[in-house]
Amino acid sequence: MIWAKPGTNNYYVRYVFDKCLLYITGDLGDAVVRLTESANLKSLSSYIRSISYFIEKIQCSTDKYDFDEVLAIEELNKERNYHLEDVEDDDEISNINKIFDDLITAARDCEWEYAVHNEDLYDRITDIDPDAFEWIDTVGRVYDRRVILWLVGLQMAWEQIRE
């Protein structure tokens, strides 16, 4: 199935249904999606209500996620406040604030991937939170718009067929 902005070749997306696989190519990126059910327009049109489930099914893709600086800073400040809750030592408070200030600076400077893989900064955050590996990679993570657009295209195609 080929989908594009009506009357144009803009936002061209090609969907190939193959048993339990969906291949997506075109102007909005590429993906291979492995499903547990048969890949058909009717079932896939409902995935718009569960984007996270759809993303879990993507085996490979140009980008599934994007980085939201404002959200990242908000999440880092919440994490900072959590770590400062029961701390009374001024040096420890200063250390925690310095680490989170450095993380926020990296988020503002669009260097997040570098920051979370920077050994020094990573070691500093894991010194105060040994479980930082559980949350640090997902700070500021939002669904990439292309994934949402793929699903909107499937939903629009299904609605058009039903009419």
Foldseek 3Di string as FASTA:
>chain_A
DWDADPPDCHPIWDWDFDFQWIWIDDPLWTWIFGHPGGDDLVVLLVCLVPLVVRLVRTPDIPDFKDFDLVQLLVVLVVVLCVLCVPDDDPVVNVLSVVLSVVCNVCSVVVNLVVQCPVVVSVVSVCVSPVCVVVPSVCRRIDTDVSSSVVSVRSNVVVVVVVD
